[in-house]
Amino acid sequence: MRGAEEIVWAGGESAFRLGIGELRAIESKCDAGCAVVLMRLLSSSWKIDDVLQPIRLGLVGAGMPERDAKRKLDRALTLASPYALAVTSAEILRRFVMWETPDQPGEPEAGIAAESN
């Protein structure tokens, strides 16, 4: 999985990371697959946990203690509406579910193992 990525949002600039464990937790909390949650966010048909869980779990996945992540999210909710935070949640999910990779035909860069089919 990918490493943490910095995102500027209502809570400031924070590192976010969604590994397999965090993605499964989002699916459990939101009662839907991550792609469904992302589509609900993008189409403005989200539920509140669709907005909150990717942010909270993304902070935790990047190494923030659970208590601090909850506190940071609660503070952000005093500064921005859930509607505004839906944009952040969608971006977090997009970065860890649908990231783009450059097309690099030929030999991989040094230190990068080639994938076998």
N, C-alpha and C. Protein backbone atom coordinates (compact mmCIF):
# COMPACT_ATOMS: atom_id res chain seq x y z
N MET A 1 0.85 -1.19 0.00
CA MET A 1 0.00 0.00 0.00
C MET A 1 0.88 1.24 0.00
N ARG A 2 0.26 2.34 -0.26
CA ARG A 2 0.95 3.62 -0.36
C ARG A 2 1.28 4.19 1.01
N GLY A 3 2.28 5.06 1.02
CA GLY A 3 2.65 5.76 2.24
C GLY A 3 1.69 6.91 2.51
N ALA A 4 1.89 7.58 3.63
CA ALA A 4 1.05 8.71 4.01
C ALA A 4 1.22 9.86 3.03
N GLU A 5 0.15 10.63 2.86
CA GLU A 5 0.18 11.81 2.00
C GLU A 5 -0.37 13.00 2.76
N GLU A 6 0.25 14.16 2.54
CA GLU A 6 -0.18 15.40 3.18
C GLU A 6 -1.36 15.99 2.41
N ILE A 7 -2.37 16.41 3.15
CA ILE A 7 -3.55 17.06 2.57
C ILE A 7 -3.88 18.28 3.43
N VAL A 8 -4.15 19.39 2.79
CA VAL A 8 -4.61 20.59 3.48
C VAL A 8 -6.13 20.53 3.51
N TRP A 9 -6.70 20.66 4.69
CA TRP A 9 -8.14 20.56 4.88
C TRP A 9 -8.55 21.48 6.02
N ALA A 10 -9.81 21.44 6.43
CA ALA A 10 -10.31 22.33 7.48
C ALA A 10 -9.56 22.15 8.80
N GLY A 11 -8.98 20.98 9.02
CA GLY A 11 -8.22 20.71 10.24
C GLY A 11 -6.77 21.13 10.16
N GLY A 12 -6.37 21.76 9.06
CA GLY A 12 -4.98 22.17 8.87
C GLY A 12 -4.32 21.28 7.83
N GLU A 13 -3.01 21.19 7.89
CA GLU A 13 -2.27 20.27 7.00
C GLU A 13 -1.97 19.02 7.80
N SER A 14 -2.43 17.88 7.29
CA SER A 14 -2.29 16.62 8.02
C SER A 14 -1.86 15.51 7.09
N ALA A 15 -1.20 14.52 7.68
CA ALA A 15 -0.85 13.31 6.95
C ALA A 15 -2.03 12.34 7.06
N PHE A 16 -2.37 11.72 5.93
CA PHE A 16 -3.43 10.72 5.86
C PHE A 16 -2.88 9.47 5.19
N ARG A 17 -3.35 8.31 5.63
CA ARG A 17 -2.99 7.05 4.98
C ARG A 17 -4.10 6.04 5.25
N LEU A 18 -4.55 5.39 4.22
CA LEU A 18 -5.53 4.32 4.35
C LEU A 18 -4.89 3.03 3.87
N GLY A 19 -4.57 2.16 4.80
CA GLY A 19 -4.09 0.82 4.48
C GLY A 19 -5.30 -0.12 4.40
N ILE A 20 -5.02 -1.37 4.20
CA ILE A 20 -6.10 -2.36 4.09
C ILE A 20 -6.97 -2.37 5.35
N GLY A 21 -6.37 -2.29 6.51
CA GLY A 21 -7.14 -2.30 7.76
C GLY A 21 -8.08 -1.12 7.86
N GLU A 22 -7.60 0.05 7.50
CA GLU A 22 -8.44 1.25 7.53
C GLU A 22 -9.54 1.19 6.48
N LEU A 23 -9.22 0.68 5.29
CA LEU A 23 -10.24 0.55 4.24
C LEU A 23 -11.34 -0.42 4.68
N ARG A 24 -10.94 -1.53 5.31
CA ARG A 24 -11.95 -2.48 5.82
C ARG A 24 -12.79 -1.85 6.93
N ALA A 25 -12.17 -1.05 7.77
CA ALA A 25 -12.92 -0.37 8.85
C ALA A 25 -13.92 0.61 8.27
N ILE A 26 -13.53 1.34 7.21
CA ILE A 26 -14.47 2.25 6.54
C ILE A 26 -15.65 1.45 6.01
N GLU A 27 -15.37 0.34 5.34
CA GLU A 27 -16.46 -0.49 4.80
C GLU A 27 -17.40 -0.97 5.90
N SER A 28 -16.83 -1.35 7.04
CA SER A 28 -17.64 -1.83 8.15
C SER A 28 -18.49 -0.70 8.74
N LYS A 29 -17.86 0.44 9.00
CA LYS A 29 -18.57 1.57 9.61
C LYS A 29 -19.63 2.16 8.68
N CYS A 30 -19.36 2.13 7.38
CA CYS A 30 -20.26 2.74 6.40
C CYS A 30 -21.22 1.74 5.76
N ASP A 31 -21.05 0.47 6.09
CA ASP A 31 -21.88 -0.61 5.55
C ASP A 31 -21.93 -0.58 4.02
N ALA A 32 -20.75 -0.35 3.42
CA ALA A 32 -20.64 -0.32 1.95
C ALA A 32 -19.17 -0.43 1.58
N GLY A 33 -18.91 -0.88 0.38
CA GLY A 33 -17.54 -0.94 -0.11
C GLY A 33 -16.97 0.46 -0.29
N CYS A 34 -15.64 0.55 -0.28
CA CYS A 34 -14.98 1.86 -0.40
C CYS A 34 -15.34 2.58 -1.69
N ALA A 35 -15.49 1.85 -2.78
CA ALA A 35 -15.86 2.49 -4.05
C ALA A 35 -17.28 3.06 -3.96
N VAL A 36 -18.17 2.36 -3.27
CA VAL A 36 -19.54 2.86 -3.09
C VAL A 36 -19.52 4.11 -2.22
N VAL A 37 -18.72 4.09 -1.15
CA VAL A 37 -18.60 5.27 -0.28
C VAL A 37 -18.07 6.45 -1.09
N LEU A 38 -17.05 6.21 -1.90
CA LEU A 38 -16.50 7.28 -2.74
C LEU A 38 -17.55 7.83 -3.69
N MET A 39 -18.30 6.97 -4.33
CA MET A 39 -19.34 7.42 -5.26
C MET A 39 -20.44 8.19 -4.53
N ARG A 40 -20.79 7.76 -3.32
CA ARG A 40 -21.79 8.51 -2.54
C ARG A 40 -21.27 9.91 -2.21
N LEU A 41 -19.98 10.00 -1.86
CA LEU A 41 -19.39 11.31 -1.57
C LEU A 41 -19.40 12.21 -2.80
N LEU A 42 -19.03 11.64 -3.93
CA LEU A 42 -18.95 12.43 -5.16
C LEU A 42 -20.32 12.85 -5.68
N SER A 43 -21.34 12.06 -5.38
CA SER A 43 -22.67 12.37 -5.89
C SER A 43 -23.55 13.09 -4.86
N SER A 44 -22.96 13.48 -3.75
CA SER A 44 -23.69 14.17 -2.67
C SER A 44 -24.85 13.35 -2.13
N SER A 45 -24.70 12.04 -2.14
CA SER A 45 -25.71 11.17 -1.53
C SER A 45 -25.12 10.42 -0.34
N TRP A 46 -24.17 11.06 0.32
CA TRP A 46 -23.42 10.45 1.42
C TRP A 46 -24.22 10.42 2.72
N LYS A 47 -23.75 9.55 3.59
CA LYS A 47 -24.21 9.49 4.97
C LYS A 47 -23.10 10.10 5.81
N ILE A 48 -23.40 10.48 7.04
CA ILE A 48 -22.42 11.19 7.85
C ILE A 48 -21.15 10.36 8.09
N ASP A 49 -21.30 9.04 8.29
CA ASP A 49 -20.09 8.23 8.47
C ASP A 49 -19.26 8.13 7.20
N ASP A 50 -19.88 8.29 6.03
CA ASP A 50 -19.12 8.34 4.78
C ASP A 50 -18.14 9.52 4.80
N VAL A 51 -18.55 10.59 5.46
CA VAL A 51 -17.71 11.79 5.56
C VAL A 51 -16.68 11.65 6.67
N LEU A 52 -17.11 11.23 7.84
CA LEU A 52 -16.24 11.25 9.02
C LEU A 52 -15.21 10.12 9.05
N GLN A 53 -15.60 8.91 8.67
CA GLN A 53 -14.69 7.77 8.85
C GLN A 53 -13.42 7.83 8.00
N PRO A 54 -13.48 8.20 6.72
CA PRO A 54 -12.23 8.30 5.97
C PRO A 54 -11.25 9.31 6.56
N ILE A 55 -11.76 10.41 7.10
CA ILE A 55 -10.88 11.40 7.70
C ILE A 55 -10.26 10.84 8.98
N ARG A 56 -11.10 10.36 9.89
CA ARG A 56 -10.59 9.84 11.17
C ARG A 56 -9.63 8.69 10.96
N LEU A 57 -10.03 7.72 10.14
CA LEU A 57 -9.18 6.54 9.93
C LEU A 57 -7.95 6.88 9.10
N GLY A 58 -8.04 7.87 8.23
CA GLY A 58 -6.87 8.32 7.48
C GLY A 58 -5.82 8.94 8.39
N LEU A 59 -6.27 9.73 9.36
CA LEU A 59 -5.35 10.31 10.34
C LEU A 59 -4.68 9.22 11.17
N VAL A 60 -5.49 8.27 11.64
CA VAL A 60 -4.97 7.16 12.44
C VAL A 60 -4.01 6.31 11.61
N GLY A 61 -4.38 6.03 10.36
CA GLY A 61 -3.54 5.23 9.49
C GLY A 61 -2.18 5.86 9.22
N ALA A 62 -2.11 7.19 9.32
CA ALA A 62 -0.85 7.90 9.12
C ALA A 62 -0.04 8.01 10.41
N GLY A 63 -0.59 7.47 11.50
CA GLY A 63 0.18 7.42 12.74
C GLY A 63 -0.33 8.29 13.88
N MET A 64 -1.42 9.02 13.68
CA MET A 64 -1.95 9.86 14.75
C MET A 64 -2.70 8.98 15.75
N PRO A 65 -2.49 9.19 17.05
CA PRO A 65 -3.26 8.43 18.05
C PRO A 65 -4.77 8.67 17.87
N GLU A 66 -5.56 7.65 18.12
CA GLU A 66 -7.02 7.70 17.95
C GLU A 66 -7.63 8.90 18.65
N ARG A 67 -7.25 9.14 19.88
CA ARG A 67 -7.80 10.26 20.66
C ARG A 67 -7.52 11.59 19.96
N ASP A 68 -6.30 11.77 19.46
CA ASP A 68 -5.94 13.02 18.78
C ASP A 68 -6.68 13.16 17.46
N ALA A 69 -6.87 12.05 16.74
CA ALA A 69 -7.60 12.08 15.47
C ALA A 69 -9.05 12.50 15.71
N LYS A 70 -9.66 11.95 16.74
CA LYS A 70 -11.04 12.31 17.05
C LYS A 70 -11.14 13.77 17.43
N ARG A 71 -10.20 14.24 18.24
CA ARG A 71 -10.18 15.65 18.66
C ARG A 71 -10.00 16.57 17.45
N LYS A 72 -9.09 16.21 16.55
CA LYS A 72 -8.84 17.03 15.36
C LYS A 72 -10.08 17.08 14.46
N LEU A 73 -10.75 15.95 14.30
CA LEU A 73 -11.96 15.89 13.50
C LEU A 73 -13.08 16.70 14.14
N ASP A 74 -13.24 16.58 15.45
CA ASP A 74 -14.26 17.37 16.15
C ASP A 74 -14.01 18.86 15.98
N ARG A 75 -12.76 19.27 16.05
CA ARG A 75 -12.41 20.69 15.85
C ARG A 75 -12.73 21.13 14.42
N ALA A 76 -12.40 20.27 13.45
CA ALA A 76 -12.69 20.60 12.05
C ALA A 76 -14.19 20.77 11.83
N LEU A 77 -15.00 20.00 12.54
CA LEU A 77 -16.45 20.11 12.41
C LEU A 77 -16.99 21.43 12.96
N THR A 78 -16.21 22.12 13.79
CA THR A 78 -16.63 23.44 14.25
C THR A 78 -16.25 24.51 13.23
N LEU A 79 -15.33 24.19 12.33
CA LEU A 79 -14.84 25.14 11.33
C LEU A 79 -15.45 24.95 9.95
N ALA A 80 -15.88 23.74 9.66
CA ALA A 80 -16.39 23.43 8.32
C ALA A 80 -17.62 22.53 8.44
N SER A 81 -18.50 22.64 7.49
CA SER A 81 -19.71 21.82 7.48
C SER A 81 -19.38 20.40 7.04
N PRO A 82 -20.24 19.45 7.38
CA PRO A 82 -20.04 18.09 6.85
C PRO A 82 -19.99 18.08 5.32
N TYR A 83 -20.76 18.97 4.68
CA TYR A 83 -20.74 19.06 3.22
C TYR A 83 -19.34 19.41 2.72
N ALA A 84 -18.69 20.39 3.36
CA ALA A 84 -17.33 20.77 2.98
C ALA A 84 -16.35 19.65 3.27
N LEU A 85 -16.53 18.95 4.39
CA LEU A 85 -15.63 17.85 4.74
C LEU A 85 -15.81 16.65 3.82
N ALA A 86 -16.96 16.56 3.14
CA ALA A 86 -17.17 15.46 2.18
C ALA A 86 -16.14 15.54 1.05
N VAL A 87 -15.74 16.75 0.69
CA VAL A 87 -14.71 16.92 -0.34
C VAL A 87 -13.39 16.32 0.14
N THR A 88 -13.03 16.59 1.39
CA THR A 88 -11.79 16.03 1.97
C THR A 88 -11.87 14.51 2.01
N SER A 89 -12.99 13.98 2.46
CA SER A 89 -13.15 12.52 2.53
C SER A 89 -13.02 11.87 1.16
N ALA A 90 -13.63 12.47 0.17
CA ALA A 90 -13.54 11.93 -1.19
C ALA A 90 -12.09 11.95 -1.68
N GLU A 91 -11.37 13.02 -1.40
CA GLU A 91 -9.98 13.11 -1.83
C GLU A 91 -9.10 12.08 -1.11
N ILE A 92 -9.35 11.86 0.16
CA ILE A 92 -8.58 10.85 0.90
C ILE A 92 -8.84 9.48 0.28
N LEU A 93 -10.09 9.12 0.08
CA LEU A 93 -10.41 7.82 -0.53
C LEU A 93 -9.82 7.70 -1.93
N ARG A 94 -9.95 8.75 -2.73
CA ARG A 94 -9.41 8.71 -4.09
C ARG A 94 -7.92 8.42 -4.07
N ARG A 95 -7.20 9.07 -3.19
CA ARG A 95 -5.74 8.88 -3.16
C ARG A 95 -5.32 7.48 -2.78
N PHE A 96 -6.15 6.77 -2.02
CA PHE A 96 -5.74 5.45 -1.56
C PHE A 96 -6.52 4.30 -2.20
N VAL A 97 -7.45 4.63 -3.09
CA VAL A 97 -8.18 3.60 -3.80
C VAL A 97 -7.97 3.70 -5.30
N MET A 98 -7.82 4.91 -5.82
CA MET A 98 -7.79 5.12 -7.28
C MET A 98 -6.56 5.89 -7.74
N TRP A 99 -5.44 5.75 -7.09
CA TRP A 99 -4.29 6.56 -7.49
C TRP A 99 -3.80 6.18 -8.87
N GLU A 100 -3.19 7.15 -9.52
CA GLU A 100 -2.64 6.93 -10.85
C GLU A 100 -1.16 6.59 -10.73
N THR A 101 -0.69 5.76 -11.63
CA THR A 101 0.74 5.46 -11.70
C THR A 101 1.22 5.80 -13.10
N PRO A 102 2.41 6.31 -13.20
CA PRO A 102 2.92 6.63 -14.54
C PRO A 102 3.16 5.36 -15.34
N ASP A 103 2.88 5.44 -16.61
CA ASP A 103 3.13 4.30 -17.49
C ASP A 103 4.63 4.25 -17.76
N GLN A 104 5.26 3.20 -17.28
CA GLN A 104 6.70 3.07 -17.43
C GLN A 104 7.03 1.75 -18.11
N PRO A 105 6.91 1.71 -19.43
CA PRO A 105 7.24 0.47 -20.12
C PRO A 105 8.73 0.17 -20.01
N GLY A 106 9.05 -1.08 -20.19
CA GLY A 106 10.47 -1.46 -20.17
C GLY A 106 10.93 -1.86 -18.78
N GLU A 107 12.17 -1.62 -18.54
CA GLU A 107 12.81 -2.04 -17.30
C GLU A 107 12.40 -1.14 -16.14
N PRO A 108 12.07 -1.73 -14.96
CA PRO A 108 11.69 -0.89 -13.82
C PRO A 108 12.91 -0.14 -13.28
N GLU A 109 12.62 0.94 -12.53
CA GLU A 109 13.69 1.71 -11.92
C GLU A 109 14.45 0.84 -10.94
N ALA A 110 15.68 1.20 -10.67
CA ALA A 110 16.50 0.45 -9.72
C ALA A 110 15.80 0.36 -8.37
N GLY A 111 15.79 -0.81 -7.79
CA GLY A 111 15.18 -1.04 -6.50
C GLY A 111 13.70 -1.35 -6.55
N ILE A 112 13.10 -1.33 -7.73
CA ILE A 112 11.67 -1.62 -7.87
C ILE A 112 11.53 -2.97 -8.56
N ALA A 113 10.91 -3.90 -7.88
CA ALA A 113 10.73 -5.24 -8.45
C ALA A 113 9.63 -5.23 -9.47
N ALA A 114 9.84 -5.92 -10.57
CA ALA A 114 8.81 -6.05 -11.61
C ALA A 114 7.72 -6.97 -11.11
N GLU A 115 6.45 -6.62 -11.44
CA GLU A 115 5.33 -7.47 -11.06
C GLU A 115 5.24 -8.64 -12.04
N SER A 116 4.92 -9.81 -11.50
CA SER A 116 4.73 -10.96 -12.38
C SER A 116 3.25 -11.13 -12.66
N ASN A 117 2.91 -11.55 -13.85
CA ASN A 117 1.50 -11.71 -14.24
C ASN A 117 0.98 -13.03 -13.86
